[in-house]
Amino acid sequence: MLIGCLALVALPYFIYPVFLMKILCFALFACSFNLLIGYTGLLSFGHAAFFGAAGYISGYLLRDVGLTFEVAVLIGTLGAGVIGFIMGGLAIRRRGIYFTMITLALAQMVYFVFLQAPFTGGEDGFQNIPRSALLGLLNLSGDITMYYVVVGIVMLSLALIHRIISSPYGNVLAAIRENEARAISLGYDINNYKLLVFVLSAMLAGLAGATKAAVLGFETLADIHWSTSGLVILMTLIGGKGTFTGPLVGAFVIILLENKLGEAGTFLAHLTGIEGFQAIGESITTIIGLIFIVCVLAFRKGIIGELIDKLAQRKAVP
């Protein structure tokens, strides 16, 4: 734990801080989704709606209204929670693929709302979002300062997630995941439990999206598109759903590939003289798909899930 904290403090002096902040925002996004699929067994294909909507809301409040960072992010997070309450209220009474498809359909409706809304800039995106100041006092324009604020947001969010899954409420969610019919027979109103976790997951996803919009200074329709919902599913499954640190690892792997694979291809092309390596950066979707196939075949529980299993097996051997 101490080594991890020291690494977080030192990393921005060795690695581009904005890149690190992007990883942290997507890591929080993946953890919010894991709260739903990993600990409750609900597969939502509409989580991008919360991530992108909160980004647009907070971006508008920062740029056009002039609110401070924490107020804009808070309102964006609450906005994501409202959307989550509406979507969850309509979807949780269905199970399995029907639940998934309803979340996808509702998320696409949200996508088209923001596509047509006059303040979003449509396909041009929402540009020039200022970072403003924290509590009106701490200027966040510097990348290092902003990085430590993002680290604080993510750490507090992870602490909240850990508290949720470790509480009696989290135990009920686990019971719903393992055997929904038995949870009903024990007298739990599972629809209320599922709706609450859906809203909590939506708000955490919104917090990640609102923070990311302030970090990068822009918001685009890509963040609210269904492909981003697929991306967060991929992050969670590669890292290991149902594990606390799995989504963090999955987000790191995917964002690293998206941003650095092209550079790796250029390096290999110069090193070997084979021009074909230049095309690696353009084939990122294919390569991520291949990695997903490998993980499904060889690491069915994800990277962290498999490591946990291996360690458990070693401890079991006398």
Foldseek 3Di string as FASTA:
>chain_A
DVVVVVCLLCVVVPDPLLLVLLLLLLLLLLLLQLLQCQLQNQQALQLLLLLQQLQLQLLCCVPVVNDAQVVSLQVSLVVLLVLLLVQLVVQVVDDDPSSHVSNQVSLVVSLVVLLPDPQQCHQVFFAQRANHADVNPHHPPDSSNLSVVSVVVSVVSLVVSVCCCPDVLSVLSNVNNVPVVVSVVVPDPVSVSSSVSSSSSSSSSSSSSNSSCNSVRIGHSVSSHSVVSVLSVLLDQQQFRNDSCRSSVSSVVLSCLLPCQQVVLVVVCVVPVDNVSNCRNVCSVVVSVVSSVCCVVPVVRHDVGVVVVVVVVVVPPD
